[in-house]
Amino acid sequence: MTTTPSRQPAVFIGHGVPLNALEDNQWTRQWAALGAALPERPRAVLAVSAHWYIGATAVTTMAHPRTIHDFYGFPRELNEFDYPAAGAPELASEVAEVVRPTWVGEDRDSWGLDHGTWSVLAHVFPDADVPVAQLSVDASKPADYHFDLGTRLSALRDSGVLILASGNVVHNLAAVDPSLGDSGTDWAHRFDDHARALLTDRPEDAVSLLDHPDAGLAVPSADHFLPLLYTAGMAAGSGEKLDAFSEGYAWGSVSMTSYRSAA
């Protein structure tokens, strides 16, 4: 007897620094709790990471994606970290079908899993026993494009695919101040608080966040913000709202707030 998979939630993770892959802290414990609370183990993960920010929409199709260490200045242990999840090449055709007529390229060997994906999945699925594919964030497209793509990708959630977007709502590395620890600047709080109020009530208006007076400081470049629009699009397209979890800040100018579709 074939059973219908449970619908997977729409998820956005504020991933912060790569070192979170190795840390036991307030955020990584929330990521682990997310994995434990899923309705059932997904058949695959489709990750939308801020760190695959290119001029096209593409999905990985390799059977064994490599662990990409796309950073420097961190401990050797992190540079040697491996997340050996299998790939999910079958997702390429499914993604192409649900987002039609948008073109989606296939990446057979140039990418893999970057730290926006594996630093989070190391806690959500620590045994690396769920296949993973990545979807690129197209740097050449406007915000509406990414929101709309999320709306259409949401159909995959009903077939057991966890679509996990990874970035940061507030991400300004030029303004990082280690002395601020886990507190946020005034402008970071204003933007993050506005985002929380909007996303938990009207995710369909997520693109309007870029019109906020503090958006220039909170989102100086779009790469870490755009993954949020995929999760907002998934929720809005399904008539859902989002719940915030794993809230906080890193070094004043990075928001660690994460979201999932309301239960």
Foldseek 3Di string as FASTA:
>chain_A
DDDFDDFWWQKEFAQPDLCLLVDDDLQLVVLLVSLVPTPDQFQAEEEEELVQEEQAKEKEQEQWFWEDEPDDDDDPVSVPDTLGATADNVVRVVLPVLQPPGDYHYDYPDHGDYSLGNSSCCNSPVVSHHHYMYIYHNQVDDLVVLLQSLLSVLVVSRRRYHYYYGFFQFDAPVLFAQVCAFAADPLQVVLVVVQQVCQQPPLVCNSCSCVDPSNCRRPVDCSRNSSVSSSSSSQVSVVWGKDWDSFIGGRHGTTRIMIITDD
